[in-house]
């Protein structure tokens, strides 16, 4: 990322994925497209590779692949309503004024409220409010509530938040937004205790809900948080496709089908930027995390977590699909290999792309050990440091990590024609 030196001593560091050189990164937030510039905010701790006193980091791009780090937008205020952290949220525009709607945590995850911060069109300097837009709603049996998301339906503005009940049932909460700061709680939009929702999106809490319309279909994307032993487990990301309609005092979402958004172990908390007149694509970024990396290696590296490449969403043949935005191809800086057979990727090639019309494997070879990292019958495999994003022609995308070492190397093994491009800015 421009504006911060690259720690080239760590071959696992993703050179092209737009994260700061050091510190902790998780959920993308506040994604927006303003005056030809893409803005992506993200959960950020610049002081260490751990989740602590989270701020909103900020990066901008005019082409979705070359990112410039901006100053931190805002962060926790000692003694304030977000003293524990400024957690995930979304960007809205009230009369043209950029407004971040985020989860403010005062002292613990269950002590949350929706707060706002406003800026001008440059979105560099922010003013945080003291007065919450919404607190814990009057809904019996709720546990934690977080991650506001805004949408419109039939000319009216609404918001949702993710939550769950004490009995383990996940729920999406619905609000009517009469103005930027006047929210009315309407009740549950959809629950996940049974039926299609339970089958495709099992969790105790649905986090980071994203409700949008793509190719004529309403889609709800949720991240799957579950209690596990003494802690919790992040179980991936699912989508539910269905009908959004007026019902009761608000809206109801009736899911008819669903599935995984990404089948890999290291994909979570995506944020969607809905299509607009200025950007006709529906775009998505997600957090790819480093759960499998030993804690000692994380501490030594000084960084943890990254965002995926931007993806374009579509709904075809009854499924939500995603693929890298076309701009990713502009990173191709030269052909490393073309043909069939085995190819050892040079260690100097920090980032590369494998494109194949037939079966191909990405393998890590370390001495006599050989581990298959990814395999597709045809499609693309994008590697950037340790981040691996796999897009098979007939399968759900997979995001995972494979950590290079001083003695290991990536190897591509293709049964048919394959091309390996080096990727660089």
Protein backbone atom coordinates (compact mmCIF):
# COMPACT_ATOMS: atom_id res chain seq x y z
CA UNK A 1 0.00 0.00 0.00
CA UNK A 2 1.38 3.42 -0.94
CA UNK A 3 2.16 5.59 2.05
CA UNK A 4 3.62 2.80 4.18
CA UNK A 5 6.87 0.87 3.66
CA UNK A 6 6.52 -2.81 2.73
CA UNK A 7 8.05 -5.25 5.24
CA UNK A 8 9.79 -7.26 2.52
CA UNK A 9 11.63 -9.39 5.09
CA UNK A 10 8.40 -11.35 5.63
CA UNK A 11 7.56 -13.35 2.47
CA UNK A 12 4.04 -13.97 3.85
CA UNK A 13 3.09 -10.29 3.74
CA UNK A 14 0.49 -9.57 1.00
CA UNK A 15 2.08 -6.94 -1.21
CA UNK A 16 -1.01 -6.09 -3.27
CA UNK A 17 -3.95 -6.45 -0.91
CA UNK A 18 -3.99 -2.91 0.42
CA UNK A 19 -3.25 -3.22 4.11
CA UNK A 20 -0.89 -1.14 6.30
CA UNK A 21 2.62 -2.41 6.89
CA UNK A 22 2.01 -3.26 10.53
CA UNK A 23 -0.76 -3.89 13.03
CA UNK A 24 -4.04 -5.76 13.09
CA UNK A 25 -6.65 -5.61 10.30
CA UNK A 26 -10.10 -7.20 10.24
CA UNK A 27 -13.54 -6.32 8.80
CA UNK A 28 -13.87 -3.96 5.83
CA UNK A 29 -16.20 -1.06 6.68
CA UNK A 30 -17.77 2.00 5.10
CA UNK A 31 -17.08 1.03 1.48
CA UNK A 32 -17.99 3.92 -0.83
CA UNK A 33 -17.40 5.32 -4.31
CA UNK A 34 -17.24 9.12 -4.38
CA UNK A 35 -16.14 11.37 -7.25
CA UNK A 36 -14.16 8.62 -8.97
CA UNK A 37 -12.46 7.36 -5.82
CA UNK A 38 -13.10 4.11 -3.95
CA UNK A 39 -12.93 4.37 -0.16
CA UNK A 40 -12.50 1.28 1.98
CA UNK A 41 -12.32 1.62 5.74
CA UNK A 42 -11.35 -1.33 7.93
CA UNK A 43 -11.04 -2.46 11.52
CA UNK A 44 -7.50 -1.55 12.56
CA UNK A 45 -5.12 -1.63 15.50
CA UNK A 46 -1.90 0.11 14.41
CA UNK A 47 -0.16 -0.65 17.70
CA UNK A 48 0.12 -4.43 17.37
CA UNK A 49 -1.09 -7.58 15.60
CA UNK A 50 -3.96 -8.15 18.05
CA UNK A 51 -7.62 -7.14 18.22
CA UNK A 52 -7.55 -4.26 20.72
CA UNK A 53 -9.11 -0.77 20.88
CA UNK A 54 -10.14 -0.99 17.25
CA UNK A 55 -10.06 2.12 15.05
CA UNK A 56 -11.28 2.75 11.50
CA UNK A 57 -8.33 2.60 9.11
CA UNK A 58 -8.82 4.09 5.65
CA UNK A 59 -7.48 3.41 2.15
CA UNK A 60 -8.40 4.90 -1.23
CA UNK A 61 -8.02 3.85 -4.85
CA UNK A 62 -9.09 5.02 -8.29
CA UNK A 63 -8.69 1.59 -9.90
CA UNK A 64 -9.52 -0.99 -7.16
CA UNK A 65 -5.99 -2.47 -7.15
CA UNK A 66 -3.57 0.35 -6.31
CA UNK A 67 -4.33 1.59 -2.82
CA UNK A 68 -3.13 4.60 -0.86
CA UNK A 69 -3.18 4.55 2.92
CA UNK A 70 -4.98 7.52 4.46
CA UNK A 71 -4.89 8.76 8.06
CA UNK A 72 -6.93 6.80 10.57
CA UNK A 73 -10.49 8.09 10.30
CA UNK A 74 -11.52 7.83 13.96
CA UNK A 75 -11.07 5.67 17.01
CA UNK A 76 -12.07 4.98 20.61
CA UNK A 77 -12.56 7.89 22.99
CA UNK A 78 -11.50 7.44 26.62
CA UNK A 79 -14.61 7.47 28.78
CA UNK A 80 -16.82 7.79 25.69
CA UNK A 81 -19.54 5.56 24.23
CA UNK A 82 -16.91 3.78 22.09
CA UNK A 83 -14.10 3.55 24.67
CA UNK A 84 -13.57 -0.18 24.03
CA UNK A 85 -13.58 0.11 20.23
CA UNK A 86 -15.13 1.47 17.07
CA UNK A 87 -16.40 -1.74 15.49
CA UNK A 88 -17.95 -2.48 12.13
CA UNK A 89 -20.43 -0.37 10.21
CA UNK A 90 -21.35 1.21 6.92
CA UNK A 91 -21.19 4.53 5.08
CA UNK A 92 -24.27 6.61 4.36
CA UNK A 93 -24.75 9.98 2.70
CA UNK A 94 -27.19 12.32 4.39
CA UNK A 95 -27.85 15.18 1.99
CA UNK A 96 -24.42 14.51 0.50
CA UNK A 97 -22.67 14.45 3.89
CA UNK A 98 -20.58 11.28 4.35
CA UNK A 99 -21.73 9.63 7.55
CA UNK A 100 -20.21 6.52 9.09
CA UNK A 101 -22.67 4.42 11.08
CA UNK A 102 -20.65 2.12 13.35
CA UNK A 103 -20.89 -0.09 16.40
CA UNK A 104 -19.52 1.71 19.43
CA UNK A 105 -18.45 -0.60 22.26
CA UNK A 106 -18.23 1.03 25.67
CA UNK A 107 -16.84 -1.75 27.85
CA UNK A 108 -17.73 -5.20 26.45
CA UNK A 109 -19.26 -6.60 23.23
CA UNK A 110 -22.73 -6.73 24.81
CA UNK A 111 -22.49 -3.02 25.68
CA UNK A 112 -23.00 -1.59 22.19
CA UNK A 113 -24.79 1.21 20.40
CA UNK A 114 -24.94 2.67 16.87
CA UNK A 115 -22.83 5.84 16.67
CA UNK A 116 -22.11 8.21 13.81
CA UNK A 117 -19.12 10.14 12.51
CA UNK A 118 -19.35 12.75 9.75
CA UNK A 119 -16.91 14.23 7.26
CA UNK A 120 -16.75 16.20 4.02
CA UNK A 121 -16.37 14.77 0.51
CA UNK A 122 -12.63 14.15 1.04
CA UNK A 123 -13.50 11.81 3.94
CA UNK A 124 -10.21 12.49 5.74
CA UNK A 125 -11.21 14.42 8.88
CA UNK A 126 -14.12 13.06 10.94
CA UNK A 127 -16.26 14.31 13.81
CA UNK A 128 -17.72 11.64 16.07
CA UNK A 129 -21.07 12.06 17.78
CA UNK A 130 -21.71 11.48 21.46
CA UNK A 131 -25.39 10.64 21.10
CA UNK A 132 -26.25 7.12 19.85
CA UNK A 133 -28.59 6.64 16.91
CA UNK A 134 -29.71 3.33 18.43
CA UNK A 135 -28.97 1.37 21.58
CA UNK A 136 -29.98 -2.13 22.60
CA UNK A 137 -33.51 -2.53 21.21
CA UNK A 138 -36.51 -3.49 23.31
CA UNK A 139 -36.46 -7.10 22.15
CA UNK A 140 -36.53 -9.81 24.86
CA UNK A 141 -33.73 -12.35 24.98
CA UNK A 142 -31.13 -10.64 22.77
CA UNK A 143 -27.43 -11.19 23.42
CA UNK A 144 -25.00 -9.01 21.43
CA UNK A 145 -26.11 -6.51 18.76
CA UNK A 146 -23.77 -5.01 16.17
CA UNK A 147 -22.81 -4.12 12.59
CA UNK A 148 -25.39 -1.67 11.16
CA UNK A 149 -26.09 -1.77 7.42
CA UNK A 150 -28.29 0.65 5.42
CA UNK A 151 -30.58 -0.06 2.47
CA UNK A 152 -33.67 1.35 0.77
CA UNK A 153 -36.95 -0.35 -0.14
CA UNK A 154 -39.85 1.20 -2.04
CA UNK A 155 -38.39 4.69 -1.56
CA UNK A 156 -37.93 4.38 2.21
CA UNK A 157 -34.69 4.08 4.17
CA UNK A 158 -34.00 1.21 6.55
CA UNK A 159 -31.17 -0.24 8.63
CA UNK A 160 -30.42 -3.70 9.93
CA UNK A 161 -28.14 -5.07 12.63
CA UNK A 162 -26.89 -8.57 13.39
CA UNK A 163 -27.77 -10.29 16.65
CA UNK A 164 -28.82 -13.52 18.33
CA UNK A 165 -31.12 -14.75 21.09
CA UNK A 166 -30.02 -16.39 24.32
CA UNK A 167 -31.47 -19.70 23.05
CA UNK A 168 -28.89 -19.73 20.22
CA UNK A 169 -31.12 -18.50 17.39
CA UNK A 170 -29.56 -15.86 15.12
CA UNK A 171 -31.65 -12.85 14.09
CA UNK A 172 -31.48 -9.76 11.90
CA UNK A 173 -33.00 -6.65 13.51
CA UNK A 174 -34.83 -4.04 11.40
CA UNK A 175 -35.03 -0.26 11.84
CA UNK A 176 -36.88 2.44 9.92
CA UNK A 177 -34.58 5.41 9.31
CA UNK A 178 -36.83 8.48 9.32
CA UNK A 179 -33.70 10.69 9.25
CA UNK A 180 -29.99 10.08 9.68
CA UNK A 181 -30.34 10.20 13.46
CA UNK A 182 -33.99 9.20 13.94
CA UNK A 183 -34.21 5.40 13.85
CA UNK A 184 -37.29 3.45 14.86
CA UNK A 185 -36.90 -0.20 15.87
CA UNK A 186 -39.43 -2.33 13.98
CA UNK A 187 -38.57 -5.85 15.13
CA UNK A 188 -36.93 -8.93 13.60
CA UNK A 189 -36.52 -8.99 9.83
CA UNK A 190 -35.69 -12.70 9.72
CA UNK A 191 -34.58 -15.36 12.22
CA UNK A 192 -32.49 -18.46 11.66
CA UNK A 193 -33.94 -21.09 13.96
CA UNK A 194 -35.39 -23.36 11.30
CA UNK A 195 -36.02 -23.91 7.61
CA UNK A 196 -33.85 -22.53 4.82
CA UNK A 197 -32.04 -20.05 7.08
CA UNK A 198 -31.03 -22.70 9.60
CA UNK A 199 -29.92 -25.09 6.87
CA UNK A 200 -27.68 -22.61 5.05
CA UNK A 201 -26.62 -20.15 7.77
CA UNK A 202 -26.25 -21.99 11.11
CA UNK A 203 -24.92 -19.70 13.84
CA UNK A 204 -25.68 -18.24 17.25
CA UNK A 205 -25.21 -14.66 15.99
CA UNK A 206 -25.45 -13.38 12.44
CA UNK A 207 -22.71 -10.77 12.15
CA UNK A 208 -22.05 -8.12 9.50
CA UNK A 209 -25.40 -8.46 7.68
CA UNK A 210 -25.53 -7.12 4.12
CA UNK A 211 -28.93 -6.86 2.42
CA UNK A 212 -28.91 -5.83 -1.24
CA UNK A 213 -30.48 -6.47 -4.62
CA UNK A 214 -28.34 -7.91 -7.41
CA UNK A 215 -29.57 -8.99 -10.85
CA UNK A 216 -33.15 -8.58 -9.63
CA UNK A 217 -32.72 -10.82 -6.57
CA UNK A 218 -32.74 -9.78 -2.91
CA UNK A 219 -29.78 -11.35 -1.10
CA UNK A 220 -28.86 -11.35 2.59
CA UNK A 221 -25.20 -12.09 3.40
CA UNK A 222 -24.36 -13.01 7.00
CA UNK A 223 -21.17 -14.00 8.83
CA UNK A 224 -21.59 -16.99 11.11
CA UNK A 225 -20.55 -16.46 14.75
CA UNK A 226 -21.06 -19.31 17.23
CA UNK A 227 -20.19 -19.94 20.87
CA UNK A 228 -17.51 -22.56 21.16
CA UNK A 229 -16.20 -23.98 24.44
CA UNK A 230 -15.07 -20.96 26.46
CA UNK A 231 -14.85 -18.66 23.43
CA UNK A 232 -16.39 -18.38 19.99
CA UNK A 233 -15.97 -19.73 16.48
CA UNK A 234 -16.18 -17.87 13.17
CA UNK A 235 -17.88 -20.33 10.84
CA UNK A 236 -17.60 -18.63 7.47
CA UNK A 237 -20.05 -16.57 5.44
CA UNK A 238 -23.39 -17.59 3.95
CA UNK A 239 -26.00 -15.96 1.74
CA UNK A 240 -29.78 -16.31 1.76
CA UNK A 241 -31.73 -15.41 -1.37
CA UNK A 242 -35.40 -14.65 -1.05
CA UNK A 243 -38.27 -12.19 -1.08
CA UNK A 244 -38.28 -8.86 0.72
CA UNK A 245 -41.78 -7.50 1.29
CA UNK A 246 -43.83 -5.35 3.60
CA UNK A 247 -45.24 -7.22 6.54
CA UNK A 248 -46.65 -6.17 9.91
CA UNK A 249 -45.17 -2.85 11.01
CA UNK A 250 -42.09 -3.14 8.83
CA UNK A 251 -40.53 -5.55 6.34
CA UNK A 252 -40.06 -9.30 6.26
CA UNK A 253 -37.40 -11.29 4.45
CA UNK A 254 -38.41 -14.80 3.43
CA UNK A 255 -35.39 -16.88 2.34
CA UNK A 256 -35.96 -19.44 -0.40
CA UNK A 257 -32.41 -20.67 -1.00
CA UNK A 258 -28.86 -20.11 0.11
CA UNK A 259 -25.28 -21.27 0.19
CA UNK A 260 -21.71 -20.29 1.04
CA UNK A 261 -20.29 -17.01 -0.25
CA UNK A 262 -16.76 -18.45 0.01
CA UNK A 263 -15.91 -22.01 1.01
CA UNK A 264 -12.41 -21.31 2.32
CA UNK A 265 -11.39 -21.22 6.00
CA UNK A 266 -10.03 -17.67 5.93
CA UNK A 267 -12.91 -15.53 4.61
CA UNK A 268 -15.15 -13.52 6.94
CA UNK A 269 -17.13 -10.30 7.48
CA UNK A 270 -17.54 -9.15 3.85
CA UNK A 271 -18.97 -5.75 3.04
CA UNK A 272 -20.95 -5.06 -0.13
CA UNK A 273 -20.98 -1.82 -2.10
CA UNK A 274 -24.27 -1.91 -4.00
CA UNK A 275 -24.41 -0.95 -7.67
CA UNK A 276 -25.07 2.70 -8.54
CA UNK A 277 -25.24 4.92 -11.58
CA UNK A 278 -21.55 5.79 -11.21
CA UNK A 279 -20.43 2.20 -10.44
CA UNK A 280 -22.81 -0.33 -12.03
CA UNK A 281 -21.16 -3.36 -10.44
CA UNK A 282 -22.02 -4.76 -7.02
CA UNK A 283 -18.65 -5.00 -5.26
CA UNK A 284 -17.51 -6.91 -2.20
CA UNK A 285 -14.45 -6.99 0.06
CA UNK A 286 -13.86 -9.40 2.95
CA UNK A 287 -11.44 -9.96 5.80
CA UNK A 288 -8.99 -12.79 5.29
CA UNK A 289 -7.57 -13.73 8.65
CA UNK A 290 -4.48 -15.54 9.94
CA UNK A 291 -5.99 -17.96 12.44
CA UNK A 292 -3.75 -20.84 11.34
CA UNK A 293 -0.50 -18.89 11.74
CA UNK A 294 1.35 -19.62 15.01
CA UNK A 295 1.07 -16.76 17.50
CA UNK A 296 4.86 -16.49 17.77
CA UNK A 297 5.09 -15.96 14.00
CA UNK A 298 2.38 -13.30 14.12
CA UNK A 299 4.15 -11.48 16.94
CA UNK A 300 7.45 -11.62 15.08
CA UNK A 301 5.88 -10.36 11.85
CA UNK A 302 4.07 -7.47 13.55
CA UNK A 303 1.01 -7.72 11.31
CA UNK A 304 -2.13 -9.86 11.10
CA UNK A 305 -5.08 -9.94 8.69
CA UNK A 306 -5.77 -8.44 5.27
CA UNK A 307 -8.63 -7.64 2.93
CA UNK A 308 -9.37 -9.71 -0.14
CA UNK A 309 -9.14 -8.36 -3.66
CA UNK A 310 -12.34 -6.55 -4.63
CA UNK A 311 -14.88 -8.97 -6.08
CA UNK A 312 -17.82 -8.41 -8.41
CA UNK A 313 -21.09 -10.10 -7.43
CA UNK A 314 -23.81 -11.52 -9.65
CA UNK A 315 -26.82 -13.77 -9.25
CA UNK A 316 -27.06 -16.40 -11.99
CA UNK A 317 -28.74 -19.79 -12.29
CA UNK A 318 -30.12 -19.53 -8.78
CA UNK A 319 -26.74 -18.83 -7.11
CA UNK A 320 -24.80 -15.88 -5.77
CA UNK A 321 -21.47 -15.76 -7.60
CA UNK A 322 -18.34 -13.72 -7.16
CA UNK A 323 -15.18 -13.19 -9.15
CA UNK A 324 -12.19 -10.83 -8.97
CA UNK A 325 -12.89 -7.46 -10.51
CA UNK A 326 -11.48 -7.14 -14.02
CA UNK A 327 -8.94 -4.57 -12.80
CA UNK A 328 -6.97 -7.33 -11.05
CA UNK A 329 -5.75 -8.43 -14.51
CA UNK A 330 -4.02 -5.06 -14.87
CA UNK A 331 -1.52 -6.25 -12.23
CA UNK A 332 -0.03 -8.80 -14.63
CA UNK A 333 3.58 -7.75 -15.13
CA UNK A 334 4.92 -10.67 -17.16
CA UNK A 335 4.54 -14.35 -17.99
CA UNK A 336 6.49 -16.69 -15.71
CA UNK A 337 5.31 -19.93 -17.33
CA UNK A 338 3.02 -21.12 -20.09
CA UNK A 339 2.31 -24.76 -20.89
CA UNK A 340 1.64 -28.04 -19.11
CA UNK A 341 3.57 -29.87 -16.44
CA UNK A 342 5.27 -28.63 -13.26
CA UNK A 343 6.67 -25.17 -12.64
CA UNK A 344 8.52 -23.93 -9.55
CA UNK A 345 7.51 -20.33 -8.88
CA UNK A 346 10.57 -18.15 -8.17
CA UNK A 347 10.77 -16.94 -4.59
CA UNK A 348 11.16 -13.39 -5.89
CA UNK A 349 7.62 -13.54 -7.31
CA UNK A 350 5.74 -12.46 -4.18
CA UNK A 351 2.43 -12.34 -6.06
CA UNK A 352 1.27 -14.36 -9.05
CA UNK A 353 -1.79 -15.64 -10.86
CA UNK A 354 -2.43 -19.13 -12.24
CA UNK A 355 -4.95 -19.38 -15.10
CA UNK A 356 -5.84 -22.79 -16.50
CA UNK A 357 -8.35 -24.28 -18.92
CA UNK A 358 -7.85 -27.72 -17.37
CA UNK A 359 -6.97 -29.29 -14.01
CA UNK A 360 -4.25 -27.49 -12.08
CA UNK A 361 -2.83 -27.66 -8.56
CA UNK A 362 -1.00 -25.16 -6.40
CA UNK A 363 1.47 -27.05 -4.22
CA UNK A 364 3.86 -26.06 -1.43
CA UNK A 365 7.07 -28.07 -1.57
CA UNK A 366 9.38 -28.04 1.45
CA UNK A 367 12.15 -30.59 1.20
CA UNK A 368 10.51 -33.99 0.83
CA UNK A 369 7.14 -32.65 2.01
CA UNK A 370 4.52 -31.73 -0.56
CA UNK A 371 1.17 -30.12 0.34
CA UNK A 372 -1.63 -29.37 -2.12
CA UNK A 373 -2.89 -25.90 -1.24
CA UNK A 374 -5.52 -25.52 -3.96
CA UNK A 375 -6.83 -27.43 -6.96
CA UNK A 376 -9.37 -26.54 -9.65
CA UNK A 377 -10.67 -28.36 -12.72
CA UNK A 378 -10.20 -25.01 -14.49
CA UNK A 379 -10.13 -21.40 -13.38
CA UNK A 380 -7.83 -18.99 -11.53
CA UNK A 381 -5.67 -19.07 -8.43
CA UNK A 382 -4.40 -15.73 -7.09
CA UNK A 383 -1.47 -15.75 -4.67
CA UNK A 384 -0.13 -12.71 -2.81
CA UNK A 385 2.36 -13.56 -0.07
CA UNK A 386 0.40 -15.99 2.09
CA UNK A 387 -3.06 -15.03 0.77
CA UNK A 388 -4.54 -17.52 -1.71
CA UNK A 389 -7.86 -16.81 -3.49
CA UNK A 390 -9.21 -19.65 -5.61
CA UNK A 391 -11.84 -19.25 -8.33
CA UNK A 392 -12.73 -22.54 -9.96
CA UNK A 393 -15.01 -22.47 -12.98
CA UNK A 394 -17.57 -24.78 -11.37
CA UNK A 395 -17.12 -24.19 -7.66
CA UNK A 396 -17.61 -21.64 -4.89
CA UNK A 397 -14.53 -19.42 -4.36
CA UNK A 398 -12.12 -20.40 -1.59
CA UNK A 399 -9.88 -18.07 0.42
CA UNK A 400 -7.07 -19.52 2.50
CA UNK A 401 -3.48 -18.96 3.62
CA UNK A 402 -0.24 -20.76 2.83
CA UNK A 403 2.83 -19.32 4.57
CA UNK A 404 6.10 -19.31 2.63
CA UNK A 405 9.28 -20.13 4.53
CA UNK A 406 12.98 -19.87 3.81
CA UNK A 407 13.03 -23.50 2.65
CA UNK A 408 9.66 -23.84 0.88
CA UNK A 409 8.47 -22.91 -2.58
CA UNK A 410 5.20 -22.76 -4.50
CA UNK A 411 4.86 -25.16 -7.40
CA UNK A 412 2.19 -25.21 -10.12
CA UNK A 413 1.23 -28.58 -11.57
CA UNK A 414 -0.98 -28.49 -14.64
CA UNK A 415 -2.37 -31.40 -16.66
CA UNK A 416 -3.26 -29.08 -19.55
CA UNK A 417 -2.44 -25.59 -20.78
CA UNK A 418 -1.79 -23.13 -17.98
CA UNK A 419 -0.36 -19.63 -17.67
CA UNK A 420 1.40 -18.20 -14.63
CA UNK A 421 1.62 -14.38 -14.54
CA UNK A 422 3.67 -12.46 -12.05
CA UNK A 423 1.58 -9.71 -10.39
CA UNK A 424 2.99 -6.34 -9.39
CA UNK A 425 1.99 -2.69 -9.04
